[in-house]
Amino acid sequence: MTPVRATAVLAAACAAVLATAVPSSAINSYNATPAPERTEVGALVATWDNDDNPATPDRVDWVCSGTMIDADTFLTAAHCTTDWPDNVKFYVSLDQDVQSGLDAAAKKYPGDPAAQANAVAVQGTAHSHPDYPGPASDTHDISVIELPAAQVKARWTFTPATLPTADQLGKLGPQGLNSTDWFVAGYGTQEAVNGPGGQTHPGGGVRMKAPVTFDALNNSWVRLAMTAPQGNGGACYGDSGGPNFAMLGGRTVLAATTITGDTPCYATNVTYRLDTPGARAFLSPFVKLP
C-alpha cells in the first residue's frame, strides 16, 4: 500500500493511469505487503466516454477500491461513483492484480473497453448517498455497487467483511482505539515521487495492505497515522473507498473507508466511520447490519 490520499474520482482515475508504469507494486513503498488473502477487497473499474461520441465508451480503468460486505454488495466512496459522464458503467473486480488483467485484456480486445472491463470484473449498479456531498462534519461520502451475486460467486471465493456494531468505535473511545491494531488495504498508488516534471504517484492496481495506527476520532471520521518511522504504511490515490480494518474483540472489523489525506500520501489517512447512525442508515437497505 501507500500512505493515503484518495480524493476526487478524476484524481483517482489519473492515478490509475499512472499505475501502468509499475503494476507490480501499490499502496506504498514502505511497510506494505501484498494482500492475496484479503479476497473481500476489490477494485472499482469504470468505463466511460472521453470523446465526442457518447454512444460508446472509449475509456476503461480501475479508479477506486472497496470491499464486499455481503454476497452482492460492494462498499466504496461516493466521490468514486459521482460526477461521471452519463454513460459511465461500473464494474467490480476481486482479482489480486487488476492492472495486469486490464493490460492483458487491452491486447486481447483492442478498442473495446466494455470487453476489457468484463474480462476482469462484473458489472453492477451504483447507489451513492443522496446527500453527498454534505458538510465537512459529515460529507456522506459513501456508496455501494449492487452486483449479480451469481456472477460474483462464479468468479471469486470470499468471505464478506464484518461491519461494526452501532457506535462501536465511539464506545471504545480514543484510548481503546489507540491500543487497537489497524491496517488499510486497497489498490492505490505509492507516495509522491519527485521528478523532472514534478510529483508523480507510481504503482497501483494490485491489492496491498499496510499497518496504520489510530490518531483521532470525530463524529464521522477516524484519522489514522501513516508515518513510516512508526512502522506504518498507508493509502494513496486510488485507495478511496477501500477498507480500514480494526481488530475489535478478536475479529477483523471493517471500521472505516478511505476518503482523503495529505496530498503527497505520507502522513494521515482520513477515513469515514461505518458505525455512525448516518452510515448505518445508508447501508441498511443493502446489507444486514450487526
Protein backbone atom coordinates (compact mmCIF):
# COMPACT_ATOMS: atom_id res chain seq x y z
CA MET A 1 0.00 0.00 0.00
CA THR A 2 0.97 3.60 0.24
CA PRO A 3 0.18 6.35 2.62
CA VAL A 4 -3.29 7.75 1.95
CA ARG A 5 -4.93 10.15 -0.28
CA ALA A 6 -7.81 9.18 -2.46
CA THR A 7 -9.66 12.36 -3.27
CA ALA A 8 -11.84 13.06 -6.29
CA VAL A 9 -12.70 10.49 -8.92
CA LEU A 10 -10.70 12.22 -11.61
CA ALA A 11 -7.65 12.19 -9.38
CA ALA A 12 -8.20 8.52 -8.76
CA ALA A 13 -8.55 7.91 -12.48
CA CYS A 14 -5.31 9.76 -13.13
CA ALA A 15 -3.64 7.61 -10.51
CA ALA A 16 -4.94 4.54 -12.29
CA VAL A 17 -3.33 5.69 -15.49
CA LEU A 18 -0.04 6.21 -13.68
CA ALA A 19 -0.35 2.72 -12.28
CA THR A 20 0.53 1.16 -15.62
CA ALA A 21 4.16 2.13 -15.10
CA VAL A 22 4.73 -0.15 -12.11
CA PRO A 23 1.94 -2.77 -11.98
CA SER A 24 3.84 -4.92 -9.50
CA SER A 25 3.53 -2.52 -6.57
CA ALA A 26 0.86 -0.38 -4.94
CA ILE A 27 -0.35 1.43 -1.82
CA ASN A 28 3.06 2.49 -0.52
CA SER A 29 6.67 1.60 -0.93
CA TYR A 30 7.28 1.30 2.82
CA ASN A 31 5.90 -1.14 5.39
CA ALA A 32 3.47 -2.61 2.86
CA THR A 33 2.91 -6.17 1.65
CA PRO A 34 0.71 -7.90 -0.95
CA ALA A 35 -2.72 -8.94 0.34
CA PRO A 36 -3.79 -12.01 -1.65
CA GLU A 37 -5.67 -13.31 1.41
CA ARG A 38 -7.96 -10.26 1.55
CA THR A 39 -10.26 -11.68 -1.09
CA GLU A 40 -13.17 -9.49 0.05
CA VAL A 41 -11.25 -6.36 -1.01
CA GLY A 42 -11.73 -5.34 -4.62
CA ALA A 43 -11.17 -2.65 -7.22
CA LEU A 44 -13.81 -0.41 -8.74
CA VAL A 45 -13.46 -0.41 -12.53
CA ALA A 46 -15.23 2.09 -14.79
CA THR A 47 -15.86 2.52 -18.50
CA TRP A 48 -16.81 5.95 -19.78
CA ASP A 49 -16.84 8.25 -22.79
CA ASN A 50 -13.87 10.52 -23.38
CA ASP A 51 -14.55 11.89 -26.86
CA ASP A 52 -17.35 13.50 -28.88
CA ASN A 53 -19.24 10.24 -29.45
CA PRO A 54 -21.09 9.33 -26.25
CA ALA A 55 -22.77 6.33 -27.87
CA THR A 56 -19.94 4.00 -26.91
CA PRO A 57 -17.37 4.12 -24.09
CA ASP A 58 -13.76 4.69 -25.08
CA ARG A 59 -12.03 4.57 -21.69
CA VAL A 60 -11.60 1.84 -19.09
CA ASP A 61 -9.58 1.95 -15.85
CA TRP A 62 -9.65 0.87 -12.25
CA VAL A 63 -10.46 4.04 -10.33
CA CYS A 64 -11.00 3.23 -6.65
CA SER A 65 -11.01 0.46 -4.06
CA GLY A 66 -13.73 -1.10 -1.94
CA THR A 67 -14.96 -4.13 -0.03
CA MET A 68 -17.62 -6.81 -0.39
CA ILE A 69 -19.92 -6.53 2.63
CA ASP A 70 -22.26 -9.34 1.61
CA ALA A 71 -22.65 -11.68 -1.36
CA ASP A 72 -23.70 -8.94 -3.79
CA THR A 73 -22.84 -5.56 -2.23
CA PHE A 74 -19.55 -3.72 -2.75
CA LEU A 75 -18.88 -0.78 -0.45
CA THR A 76 -16.88 2.20 -1.73
CA ALA A 77 -16.89 6.03 -1.61
CA ALA A 78 -19.47 8.36 -3.16
CA HIS A 79 -16.76 10.50 -4.74
CA CYS A 80 -15.82 7.39 -6.71
CA THR A 81 -19.30 6.97 -8.20
CA THR A 82 -20.45 10.57 -8.83
CA ASP A 83 -19.61 13.34 -11.33
CA TRP A 84 -19.02 10.97 -14.24
CA PRO A 85 -20.25 11.21 -17.85
CA ASP A 86 -23.81 9.95 -18.30
CA ASN A 87 -22.73 6.72 -19.96
CA VAL A 88 -20.37 5.57 -17.21
CA LYS A 89 -20.66 1.93 -16.20
CA PHE A 90 -19.21 0.48 -13.02
CA TYR A 91 -17.66 -2.93 -12.51
CA VAL A 92 -16.07 -4.69 -9.54
CA SER A 93 -13.04 -6.96 -9.65
CA LEU A 94 -11.76 -9.07 -6.77
CA ASP A 95 -8.60 -10.07 -8.68
CA GLN A 96 -5.33 -9.57 -6.83
CA ASP A 97 -3.70 -7.83 -9.82
CA VAL A 98 -6.32 -5.84 -11.70
CA GLN A 99 -3.84 -3.72 -13.63
CA SER A 100 -2.16 -6.72 -15.27
CA GLY A 101 -5.59 -8.11 -16.10
CA LEU A 102 -6.60 -4.88 -17.80
CA ASP A 103 -3.29 -4.76 -19.67
CA ALA A 104 -3.85 -8.29 -20.99
CA ALA A 105 -7.47 -7.53 -21.89
CA ALA A 106 -6.41 -4.41 -23.80
CA LYS A 107 -4.23 -6.60 -26.03
CA LYS A 108 -6.93 -9.23 -26.46
CA TYR A 109 -9.80 -6.75 -27.06
CA PRO A 110 -8.19 -3.63 -28.55
CA GLY A 111 -10.54 -0.68 -28.80
CA ASP A 112 -13.29 -2.42 -26.79
CA PRO A 113 -13.38 -1.02 -23.23
CA ALA A 114 -16.53 -2.97 -22.34
CA ALA A 115 -14.92 -6.29 -23.25
CA GLN A 116 -11.78 -5.30 -21.35
CA ALA A 117 -13.81 -4.48 -18.24
CA ASN A 118 -15.80 -7.71 -18.48
CA ALA A 119 -12.57 -9.68 -18.74
CA VAL A 120 -11.54 -8.69 -15.20
CA ALA A 121 -14.74 -7.57 -13.46
CA VAL A 122 -18.50 -7.93 -13.00
CA GLN A 123 -20.82 -5.05 -13.90
CA GLY A 124 -23.07 -3.60 -11.22
CA THR A 125 -25.32 -0.68 -10.32
CA ALA A 126 -24.07 2.22 -8.21
CA HIS A 127 -26.06 3.77 -5.38
CA SER A 128 -24.43 6.90 -3.97
CA HIS A 129 -25.57 8.57 -0.77
CA PRO A 130 -28.31 11.00 -1.85
CA ASP A 131 -26.92 13.77 0.38
CA TYR A 132 -23.35 13.61 -0.96
CA PRO A 133 -21.52 15.97 -0.84
CA GLY A 134 -22.53 17.03 2.62
CA PRO A 135 -20.83 19.39 5.08
CA ALA A 136 -17.30 18.76 6.32
CA SER A 137 -18.68 17.32 9.54
CA ASP A 138 -20.30 14.52 7.51
CA THR A 139 -19.79 14.56 3.76
CA HIS A 140 -21.89 11.40 3.28
CA ASP A 141 -19.05 10.09 1.12
CA ILE A 142 -20.33 6.54 0.89
CA SER A 143 -21.80 4.41 -1.88
CA VAL A 144 -22.41 0.80 -2.82
CA ILE A 145 -22.34 -1.18 -6.04
CA GLU A 146 -25.04 -3.83 -6.25
CA LEU A 147 -23.80 -6.84 -8.20
CA PRO A 148 -25.34 -10.01 -9.65
CA ALA A 149 -24.48 -12.46 -6.86
CA ALA A 150 -24.38 -15.49 -9.15
CA GLN A 151 -21.78 -13.89 -11.41
CA VAL A 152 -19.64 -12.84 -8.47
CA LYS A 153 -19.81 -16.32 -6.92
CA ALA A 154 -18.88 -17.93 -10.23
CA ARG A 155 -15.65 -15.91 -10.44
CA TRP A 156 -14.38 -15.42 -6.88
CA THR A 157 -14.47 -17.02 -3.44
CA PHE A 158 -14.50 -14.63 -0.48
CA THR A 159 -15.93 -14.03 2.98
CA PRO A 160 -17.72 -10.65 3.22
CA ALA A 161 -16.20 -8.13 5.60
CA THR A 162 -17.62 -7.76 9.09
CA LEU A 163 -19.18 -4.35 9.68
CA PRO A 164 -19.03 -2.66 13.11
CA THR A 165 -21.94 -2.56 15.50
CA ALA A 166 -23.67 0.73 16.26
CA ASP A 167 -21.20 3.25 17.74
CA GLN A 168 -18.63 0.50 18.29
CA LEU A 169 -15.73 2.91 17.75
CA GLY A 170 -17.34 5.62 19.85
CA LYS A 171 -17.82 3.25 22.77
CA LEU A 172 -14.15 2.27 22.67
CA GLY A 173 -13.09 5.92 22.56
CA PRO A 174 -9.62 7.22 21.73
CA GLN A 175 -7.90 5.24 24.46
CA GLY A 176 -9.37 1.93 23.33
CA LEU A 177 -8.78 2.69 19.65
CA ASN A 178 -5.19 3.70 20.34
CA SER A 179 -4.44 0.20 21.62
CA THR A 180 -6.21 -1.43 18.66
CA ASP A 181 -4.34 -2.95 15.71
CA TRP A 182 -5.31 -1.31 12.41
CA PHE A 183 -4.47 -1.94 8.78
CA VAL A 184 -5.51 -0.44 5.48
CA ALA A 185 -5.98 -2.29 2.19
CA GLY A 186 -6.50 -1.22 -1.40
CA TYR A 187 -5.22 -0.94 -4.94
CA GLY A 188 -3.90 2.62 -4.78
CA THR A 189 -0.66 4.20 -5.86
CA GLN A 190 2.51 4.97 -3.96
CA GLU A 191 3.55 8.12 -2.12
CA ALA A 192 4.73 11.10 -4.16
CA VAL A 193 7.99 10.79 -6.09
CA ASN A 194 9.75 13.97 -7.22
CA GLY A 195 10.87 14.07 -10.83
CA PRO A 196 11.71 16.49 -13.64
CA GLY A 197 8.03 17.04 -14.38
CA GLY A 198 7.00 17.40 -10.75
CA GLN A 199 5.49 14.87 -8.38
CA THR A 200 4.07 11.58 -9.61
CA HIS A 201 2.47 8.64 -7.82
CA PRO A 202 3.75 5.36 -9.30
CA GLY A 203 2.34 1.88 -8.85
CA GLY A 204 -1.23 0.82 -8.26
CA GLY A 205 -3.70 -1.75 -9.48
CA VAL A 206 -2.51 -4.52 -7.15
CA ARG A 207 -4.19 -5.35 -3.84
CA MET A 208 -1.88 -4.45 -0.96
CA LYS A 209 -2.12 -3.87 2.79
CA ALA A 210 -0.17 -1.90 5.37
CA PRO A 211 -0.35 -1.23 9.11
CA VAL A 212 -1.63 2.13 10.34
CA THR A 213 -2.17 3.49 13.83
CA PHE A 214 -5.00 5.40 15.45
CA ASP A 215 -4.69 9.18 15.52
CA ALA A 216 -8.07 10.81 16.22
CA LEU A 217 -11.80 10.10 16.38
CA ASN A 218 -14.55 12.51 15.27
CA ASN A 219 -18.30 12.11 14.89
CA SER A 220 -17.96 10.87 11.30
CA TRP A 221 -14.23 10.34 10.87
CA VAL A 222 -11.30 8.26 12.06
CA ARG A 223 -7.87 9.71 11.36
CA LEU A 224 -5.11 7.13 11.01
CA ALA A 225 -1.37 7.75 11.02
CA MET A 226 0.71 6.54 8.06
CA THR A 227 4.13 7.68 9.29
CA ALA A 228 6.95 5.37 8.25
CA PRO A 229 9.19 5.79 11.36
CA GLN A 230 6.38 4.32 13.49
CA GLY A 231 6.22 1.24 11.26
CA ASN A 232 3.12 2.43 9.43
CA GLY A 233 2.25 2.30 5.78
CA GLY A 234 -0.90 3.83 4.38
CA ALA A 235 -3.14 4.64 1.45
CA CYS A 236 -2.91 6.92 -1.56
CA TYR A 237 -4.68 7.87 -4.80
CA GLY A 238 -6.94 5.01 -5.91
CA ASP A 239 -7.38 3.67 -2.36
CA SER A 240 -10.56 5.77 -1.96
CA GLY A 241 -13.47 3.68 -0.77
CA GLY A 242 -11.13 0.93 0.39
CA PRO A 243 -11.22 -0.68 3.82
CA ASN A 244 -9.54 0.26 7.06
CA PHE A 245 -9.73 -2.77 9.31
CA ALA A 246 -9.51 -2.81 13.11
CA MET A 247 -9.05 -5.81 15.37
CA LEU A 248 -12.05 -5.49 17.70
CA GLY A 249 -12.99 -8.22 20.14
CA GLY A 250 -10.71 -10.67 18.36
CA ARG A 251 -12.37 -10.04 14.98
CA THR A 252 -11.21 -8.19 11.89
CA VAL A 253 -13.82 -5.44 11.53
CA LEU A 254 -14.27 -3.08 8.58
CA ALA A 255 -14.30 0.04 10.75
CA ALA A 256 -13.98 2.80 8.14
CA THR A 257 -13.32 3.55 4.47
CA THR A 258 -10.52 5.63 2.99
CA ILE A 259 -11.66 9.06 1.81
CA THR A 260 -8.77 11.52 1.75
CA GLY A 261 -5.46 12.54 3.34
CA ASP A 262 -2.38 14.64 2.77
CA THR A 263 -1.51 15.33 -0.88
CA PRO A 264 1.87 13.53 -1.02
CA CYS A 265 0.44 10.48 0.84
CA TYR A 266 2.87 10.49 3.74
CA ALA A 267 1.07 11.40 6.96
CA THR A 268 -2.66 10.88 7.54
CA ASN A 269 -5.48 8.72 6.22
CA VAL A 270 -8.86 10.37 6.81
CA THR A 271 -11.46 7.60 6.89
CA TYR A 272 -15.25 7.52 7.06
CA ARG A 273 -16.71 5.73 10.08
CA LEU A 274 -19.15 2.90 9.40
CA ASP A 275 -20.57 2.66 12.92
CA THR A 276 -22.40 6.01 12.87
CA PRO A 277 -26.18 6.44 12.54
CA GLY A 278 -25.74 8.12 9.15
CA ALA A 279 -23.57 5.39 7.65
CA ARG A 280 -25.77 2.64 9.05
CA ALA A 281 -28.95 4.30 7.76
CA PHE A 282 -27.47 4.42 4.27
CA LEU A 283 -26.28 0.79 4.38
CA SER A 284 -29.37 -0.76 5.94
CA PRO A 285 -31.37 -1.19 2.69
CA PHE A 286 -28.45 -3.06 1.10
CA VAL A 287 -26.99 -5.25 3.83
CA LYS A 288 -27.95 -6.84 7.15
CA LEU A 289 -26.26 -4.77 9.85
CA PRO A 290 -24.81 -6.25 13.04
